[in-house]
């Protein structure tokens, strides 16, 4: 996966964080993981609240105005989508990262539509949580490769016809091949194997592609490619 550069910590104070999940054991595990990242990375986290229900989540978000919200998508039989929609309208927090056990593309798409800045699976937290937090704090969208593939498929289905103006973007045949595999959610290593080129060459192609599409991340590049009809999902 293309890694974000480390944050040159603009945060002079700990990142106020709200944990939202109806399982107390999971919240404690998440808190332990954030404590670990606080001691091993440039980011410092301060847990300002824990919520087990939509009502608690909304009340704490309004009361504490946390910089970051880590939100489960299924709360005591309720959907996190409604929580996202309410927070978008009534809370000052816009850095919301969804942590979910749901892999279905409809869940991913609805969460992103409702205002989530990122979506990762719970079983990938140990390897992806810090990178995902870095992305959303930099006002970027974060989707892990597995999530990205599903989201792009759904996005392409709902978008319908391609937007006009694709003639203004010129990609070589090899750049289109690299972009195709990026849209599928492939890592740099997988792209290199599929196209029989080195990982360094893949990175060089991605740099050129990002420049041509005027984007700064893999997710933005894939979305732009689908919106412009450069690649079919």
Protein backbone atom coordinates (compact mmCIF):
# COMPACT_ATOMS: atom_id res chain seq x y z
CA UNK A 1 0.00 0.00 0.00
CA UNK A 2 1.16 3.53 -0.81
CA UNK A 3 2.07 5.04 2.57
CA UNK A 4 1.28 8.53 3.69
CA UNK A 5 4.25 10.61 4.80
CA UNK A 6 4.41 10.95 8.59
CA UNK A 7 2.67 13.94 10.04
CA UNK A 8 5.12 16.73 10.87
CA UNK A 9 3.07 17.03 13.99
CA UNK A 10 1.13 20.28 13.79
CA UNK A 11 -0.61 19.14 16.98
CA UNK A 12 0.88 20.78 20.05
CA UNK A 13 -1.73 19.11 22.26
CA UNK A 14 -2.96 15.51 22.42
CA UNK A 15 -5.62 14.55 19.87
CA UNK A 16 -8.94 14.47 21.69
CA UNK A 17 -10.62 11.21 20.71
CA UNK A 18 -14.10 9.75 21.21
CA UNK A 19 -14.51 5.96 21.08
CA UNK A 20 -17.92 4.65 19.98
CA UNK A 21 -18.64 0.92 20.19
CA UNK A 22 -21.23 -1.08 22.11
CA UNK A 23 -18.62 -3.65 23.26
CA UNK A 24 -16.71 -2.51 26.35
CA UNK A 25 -13.93 -5.05 25.74
CA UNK A 26 -13.39 -3.76 22.21
CA UNK A 27 -13.27 -0.15 23.43
CA UNK A 28 -10.63 -1.12 25.99
CA UNK A 29 -8.58 -2.88 23.33
CA UNK A 30 -8.86 0.16 21.09
CA UNK A 31 -7.78 2.40 23.95
CA UNK A 32 -4.76 0.17 24.59
CA UNK A 33 -3.80 0.38 20.91
CA UNK A 34 -4.03 4.18 20.95
CA UNK A 35 -1.92 4.28 24.11
CA UNK A 36 0.68 2.20 22.29
CA UNK A 37 0.70 4.58 19.30
CA UNK A 38 0.99 7.53 21.70
CA UNK A 39 4.30 6.13 22.92
CA UNK A 40 5.67 4.99 19.56
CA UNK A 41 4.56 7.69 17.09
CA UNK A 42 4.51 11.48 16.80
CA UNK A 43 0.80 11.54 17.61
CA UNK A 44 -0.54 11.71 21.16
CA UNK A 45 -4.10 10.63 21.90
CA UNK A 46 -6.37 11.71 24.75
CA UNK A 47 -9.59 9.73 25.19
CA UNK A 48 -12.27 12.29 26.11
CA UNK A 49 -15.20 9.92 26.08
CA UNK A 50 -16.51 6.43 25.39
CA UNK A 51 -20.00 5.72 24.07
CA UNK A 52 -21.93 2.48 23.75
CA UNK A 53 -25.06 3.84 22.04
CA UNK A 54 -26.01 6.38 19.37
CA UNK A 55 -27.49 8.67 22.02
CA UNK A 56 -24.30 8.65 24.10
CA UNK A 57 -22.15 9.15 21.00
CA UNK A 58 -24.07 12.19 19.83
CA UNK A 59 -24.25 13.75 23.29
CA UNK A 60 -20.52 13.29 23.94
CA UNK A 61 -19.58 14.54 20.46
CA UNK A 62 -21.54 17.74 21.02
CA UNK A 63 -20.30 18.18 24.59
CA UNK A 64 -16.61 17.38 24.04
CA UNK A 65 -16.10 18.42 20.39
CA UNK A 66 -13.37 15.79 19.94
CA UNK A 67 -10.90 16.18 17.10
CA UNK A 68 -11.31 12.50 16.16
CA UNK A 69 -14.17 10.02 16.44
CA UNK A 70 -13.64 6.28 16.02
CA UNK A 71 -17.08 4.88 15.25
CA UNK A 72 -18.49 1.36 15.07
CA UNK A 73 -21.08 0.88 12.31
CA UNK A 74 -23.49 -1.24 14.35
CA UNK A 75 -24.56 0.01 17.76
CA UNK A 76 -27.07 -2.00 19.81
CA UNK A 77 -29.13 -2.89 16.74
CA UNK A 78 -28.85 0.65 15.33
CA UNK A 79 -26.89 1.66 12.27
CA UNK A 80 -23.90 3.95 12.53
CA UNK A 81 -25.12 5.68 9.38
CA UNK A 82 -27.73 7.62 11.36
CA UNK A 83 -25.06 8.60 13.88
CA UNK A 84 -22.82 9.83 11.07
CA UNK A 85 -25.61 11.88 9.54
CA UNK A 86 -26.50 13.45 12.87
CA UNK A 87 -22.88 14.23 13.73
CA UNK A 88 -22.37 15.86 10.34
CA UNK A 89 -25.27 18.21 11.09
CA UNK A 90 -24.81 18.87 14.80
CA UNK A 91 -21.15 18.26 15.70
CA UNK A 92 -18.04 20.27 14.94
CA UNK A 93 -16.04 17.06 14.48
CA UNK A 94 -15.36 16.20 10.83
CA UNK A 95 -12.64 13.60 11.38
CA UNK A 96 -14.70 10.43 11.69
CA UNK A 97 -13.13 7.04 11.03
CA UNK A 98 -15.44 4.03 10.81
CA UNK A 99 -14.25 0.76 12.34
CA UNK A 100 -16.43 -2.07 11.12
CA UNK A 101 -16.81 -5.81 10.92
CA UNK A 102 -19.03 -5.43 7.86
CA UNK A 103 -17.36 -6.14 4.51
CA UNK A 104 -20.43 -5.61 2.32
CA UNK A 105 -19.94 -2.83 -0.24
CA UNK A 106 -23.30 -1.27 0.64
CA UNK A 107 -22.12 -0.62 4.21
CA UNK A 108 -18.92 0.98 2.96
CA UNK A 109 -20.71 3.17 0.43
CA UNK A 110 -23.40 4.32 2.88
CA UNK A 111 -20.81 5.19 5.53
CA UNK A 112 -18.79 7.31 3.10
CA UNK A 113 -21.95 8.98 1.77
CA UNK A 114 -23.01 9.81 5.33
CA UNK A 115 -19.79 11.67 6.07
CA UNK A 116 -17.14 9.19 7.22
CA UNK A 117 -13.58 10.15 6.26
CA UNK A 118 -12.35 6.57 6.35
CA UNK A 119 -13.48 2.96 6.68
CA UNK A 120 -11.36 0.06 7.91
CA UNK A 121 -12.13 -3.46 9.07
CA UNK A 122 -11.74 -4.25 12.75
CA UNK A 123 -9.43 -7.18 12.08
CA UNK A 124 -6.90 -4.83 10.39
CA UNK A 125 -6.67 -2.29 13.24
CA UNK A 126 -3.24 -3.38 14.44
CA UNK A 127 -1.70 -2.68 11.03
CA UNK A 128 -3.88 0.08 9.55
CA UNK A 129 -5.29 2.20 12.38
CA UNK A 130 -2.41 4.68 12.70
CA UNK A 131 -2.13 5.21 8.94
CA UNK A 132 -5.90 5.69 8.69
CA UNK A 133 -5.88 8.26 11.51
CA UNK A 134 -3.00 10.12 9.87
CA UNK A 135 -5.01 10.33 6.65
CA UNK A 136 -8.25 11.62 8.14
CA UNK A 137 -6.41 14.16 10.31
CA UNK A 138 -4.86 15.50 7.10
CA UNK A 139 -8.39 15.83 5.65
CA UNK A 140 -7.80 12.94 3.28
CA UNK A 141 -9.99 9.91 2.65
CA UNK A 142 -8.67 6.56 3.88
CA UNK A 143 -9.83 3.21 2.53
CA UNK A 144 -7.84 0.03 2.91
CA UNK A 145 -7.36 -1.92 -0.37
CA UNK A 146 -10.12 -4.42 0.45
CA UNK A 147 -12.56 -1.62 1.24
CA UNK A 148 -11.48 0.53 -1.69
CA UNK A 149 -12.27 -2.13 -4.28
CA UNK A 150 -15.82 -2.55 -2.97
CA UNK A 151 -16.40 1.18 -2.64
CA UNK A 152 -15.20 1.91 -6.17
CA UNK A 153 -17.42 -0.79 -7.64
CA UNK A 154 -20.44 0.70 -5.90
CA UNK A 155 -19.40 4.25 -6.78
CA UNK A 156 -19.05 3.32 -10.44
CA UNK A 157 -22.47 1.65 -10.44
CA UNK A 158 -24.17 4.69 -8.89
CA UNK A 159 -22.29 7.25 -10.93
CA UNK A 160 -23.75 5.97 -14.17
CA UNK A 161 -22.29 7.64 -17.20
CA UNK A 162 -18.79 9.03 -17.15
CA UNK A 163 -18.21 12.72 -16.78
CA UNK A 164 -17.26 14.66 -19.91
CA UNK A 165 -13.83 16.02 -20.59
CA UNK A 166 -11.74 12.85 -20.50
CA UNK A 167 -9.82 14.00 -23.57
CA UNK A 168 -7.92 16.47 -21.40
CA UNK A 169 -6.20 13.62 -19.51
CA UNK A 170 -3.66 11.68 -21.55
CA UNK A 171 -2.33 8.45 -20.09
CA UNK A 172 0.07 6.05 -21.74
CA UNK A 173 -0.96 2.42 -22.13
CA UNK A 174 1.29 1.40 -19.24
CA UNK A 175 -0.08 4.18 -17.01
CA UNK A 176 -3.59 2.93 -17.73
CA UNK A 177 -2.54 -0.60 -16.77
CA UNK A 178 -1.09 0.63 -13.48
CA UNK A 179 -4.20 2.73 -12.85
CA UNK A 180 -6.47 -0.24 -13.60
CA UNK A 181 -4.80 -2.35 -10.91
CA UNK A 182 -4.85 0.58 -8.48
CA UNK A 183 -8.64 0.83 -8.92
CA UNK A 184 -8.89 -2.89 -8.13
CA UNK A 185 -7.22 -2.15 -4.78
CA UNK A 186 -3.92 -3.83 -5.65
CA UNK A 187 -0.80 -3.02 -3.63
CA UNK A 188 2.39 -1.79 -5.32
CA UNK A 189 3.87 -5.26 -4.90
CA UNK A 190 0.89 -6.93 -6.59
CA UNK A 191 0.91 -4.39 -9.44
CA UNK A 192 4.61 -5.07 -10.01
CA UNK A 193 3.95 -8.81 -10.25
CA UNK A 194 0.94 -8.40 -12.53
CA UNK A 195 2.83 -6.13 -14.95
CA UNK A 196 6.26 -7.74 -14.51
CA UNK A 197 7.93 -4.48 -13.48
CA UNK A 198 9.75 -3.45 -10.31
CA UNK A 199 8.03 -1.88 -7.31
CA UNK A 200 10.19 1.20 -7.87
CA UNK A 201 8.84 1.49 -11.43
CA UNK A 202 5.29 1.17 -10.11
CA UNK A 203 5.93 4.05 -7.69
CA UNK A 204 7.35 6.15 -10.53
CA UNK A 205 4.25 5.50 -12.65
CA UNK A 206 2.00 6.38 -9.70
CA UNK A 207 3.82 9.68 -9.21
CA UNK A 208 3.22 10.56 -12.87
CA UNK A 209 -0.40 9.44 -12.72
CA UNK A 210 -1.05 11.51 -9.57
CA UNK A 211 0.41 14.58 -11.30
CA UNK A 212 -1.72 14.08 -14.42
CA UNK A 213 -4.90 13.60 -12.39
CA UNK A 214 -3.98 16.40 -9.96
CA UNK A 215 -4.46 14.16 -6.89
CA UNK A 216 -2.29 13.26 -3.91
CA UNK A 217 -3.42 9.77 -2.88
CA UNK A 218 -4.34 6.36 -4.28
CA UNK A 219 -7.96 6.76 -3.22
CA UNK A 220 -8.29 10.14 -4.93
CA UNK A 221 -6.64 8.78 -8.08
CA UNK A 222 -9.02 5.83 -8.27
CA UNK A 223 -12.08 8.03 -7.70
CA UNK A 224 -10.91 10.50 -10.35
CA UNK A 225 -10.25 7.71 -12.83
CA UNK A 226 -13.76 6.32 -12.36
CA UNK A 227 -15.43 9.74 -12.46
CA UNK A 228 -13.65 10.63 -15.69
CA UNK A 229 -14.23 7.24 -17.26
CA UNK A 230 -10.51 6.58 -17.65
CA UNK A 231 -10.86 3.13 -16.11
CA UNK A 232 -13.81 0.80 -15.55
CA UNK A 233 -14.04 -0.84 -12.13
